[in-house]
C-alpha atoms as a PDB file:
ATOM      1  CA  MET A   1      -3.203  13.056  -6.582  1.00  0.00           C
ATOM      2  CA  GLY A   2       0.238  14.581  -6.455  1.00  0.00           C
ATOM      3  CA  LEU A   3       3.328  12.843  -7.651  1.00  0.00           C
ATOM      4  CA  GLY A   4       4.688  12.707  -4.106  1.00  0.00           C
ATOM      5  CA  GLU A   5       1.604  10.871  -2.875  1.00  0.00           C
ATOM      6  CA  LYS A   6       1.804   8.398  -5.761  1.00  0.00           C
ATOM      7  CA  ILE A   7       5.435   7.656  -4.975  1.00  0.00           C
ATOM      8  CA  HIS A   8       4.751   7.336  -1.252  1.00  0.00           C
ATOM      9  CA  ASN A   9       1.826   4.951  -1.804  1.00  0.00           C
ATOM     10  CA  ALA A  10       3.803   2.849  -4.288  1.00  0.00           C
ATOM     11  CA  ALA A  11       6.739   2.624  -1.875  1.00  0.00           C
ATOM     12  CA  GLU A  12       4.431   1.654   1.000  1.00  0.00           C
ATOM     13  CA  LYS A  13       2.792  -0.993  -1.186  1.00  0.00           C
ATOM     14  CA  LEU A  14       6.169  -2.471  -2.149  1.00  0.00           C
ATOM     15  CA  HIS A  15       7.320  -2.412   1.467  1.00  0.00           C
ATOM     16  CA  GLY A  16       4.181  -4.297   2.475  1.00  0.00           C
ATOM     17  CA  LYS A  17       4.666  -6.869  -0.275  1.00  0.00           C
ATOM     18  CA  GLY A  18       8.257  -7.350   0.860  1.00  0.00           C
ATOM     19  CA  LYS A  19       7.197  -7.914   4.461  1.00  0.00           C
ATOM     20  CA  GLU A  20       4.518 -10.327   3.321  1.00  0.00           C
ATOM     21  CA  ALA A  21       7.045 -12.283   1.236  1.00  0.00           C
ATOM     22  CA  ALA A  22       9.563 -12.322   4.093  1.00  0.00           C
ATOM     23  CA  GLY A  23       6.920 -13.567   6.498  1.00  0.00           C
ATOM     24  CA  ASP A  24       5.886 -16.258   4.047  1.00  0.00           C
ATOM     25  CA  ALA A  25       9.488 -17.357   3.481  1.00  0.00           C
ATOM     26  CA  THR A  26      10.296 -17.553   7.188  1.00  0.00           C
ATOM     27  CA  GLY A  27       6.953 -18.936   8.322  1.00  0.00           C
ATOM     28  CA  ASN A  28       6.331 -15.825  10.445  1.00  0.00           C
ATOM     29  CA  ASP A  29       2.556 -15.368  10.318  1.00  0.00           C
ATOM     30  CA  ARG A  30       2.655 -12.055  12.197  1.00  0.00           C
ATOM     31  CA  LEU A  31       5.093 -10.495   9.705  1.00  0.00           C
ATOM     32  CA  LYS A  32       3.105 -11.884   6.783  1.00  0.00           C
ATOM     33  CA  ALA A  33      -0.147 -10.411   8.128  1.00  0.00           C
ATOM     34  CA  GLU A  34       1.515  -7.076   8.889  1.00  0.00           C
ATOM     35  CA  GLY A  35       2.846  -6.891   5.332  1.00  0.00           C
ATOM     36  CA  LYS A  36      -0.505  -7.776   3.825  1.00  0.00           C
ATOM     37  CA  GLY A  37      -2.187  -5.106   5.944  1.00  0.00           C
ATOM     38  CA  GLN A  38       0.347  -2.497   4.879  1.00  0.00           C
ATOM     39  CA  HIS A  39      -0.090  -3.487   1.222  1.00  0.00           C
ATOM     40  CA  ILE A  40      -3.893  -3.209   1.456  1.00  0.00           C
ATOM     41  CA  LYS A  41      -3.654   0.100   3.327  1.00  0.00           C
ATOM     42  CA  ALA A  42      -1.534   1.571   0.516  1.00  0.00           C
ATOM     43  CA  ASP A  43      -4.058   0.357  -2.081  1.00  0.00           C
ATOM     44  CA  LEU A  44      -6.915   1.984  -0.167  1.00  0.00           C
ATOM     45  CA  LYS A  45      -5.028   5.260   0.192  1.00  0.00           C
ATOM     46  CA  GLN A  46      -4.342   5.274  -3.522  1.00  0.00           C
ATOM     47  CA  ALA A  47      -7.999   4.596  -4.331  1.00  0.00           C
ATOM     48  CA  GLY A  48      -9.077   7.401  -1.994  1.00  0.00           C
ATOM     49  CA  GLU A  49      -6.707   9.831  -3.694  1.00  0.00           C
ATOM     50  CA  LYS A  50      -8.130   8.860  -7.092  1.00  0.00           C
ATOM     51  CA  VAL A  51     -11.666   9.550  -5.869  1.00  0.00           C
ATOM     52  CA  LYS A  52     -10.618  12.935  -4.500  1.00  0.00           C
ATOM     53  CA  GLY A  53      -8.953  13.725  -7.818  1.00  0.00           C
ATOM     54  CA  ALA A  54     -12.088  12.808  -9.752  1.00  0.00           C
ATOM     55  CA  PHE A  55     -14.175  15.201  -7.656  1.00  0.00           C
ATOM     56  CA  ARG A  56     -11.678  18.024  -8.110  1.00  0.00           C
ATOM     57  CA  LYS A  57     -11.954  17.776 -11.894  1.00  0.00           C
ATOM     58  CA  HIS A  58     -15.745  18.210 -11.890  1.00  0.00           C
END
């Protein structure tokens, strides 16, 4: 996984957490769900990149 991908995934994860927190604070369920989805998507992308990296090493 390249440094650029790590930074992008971390930024997307933080953005999702921020949306989730904003939705929670305002009582906006749609925004909260959208943020949670974005956060989970970033985690999955990061996990996929780690798997690809593991296969490249072997």
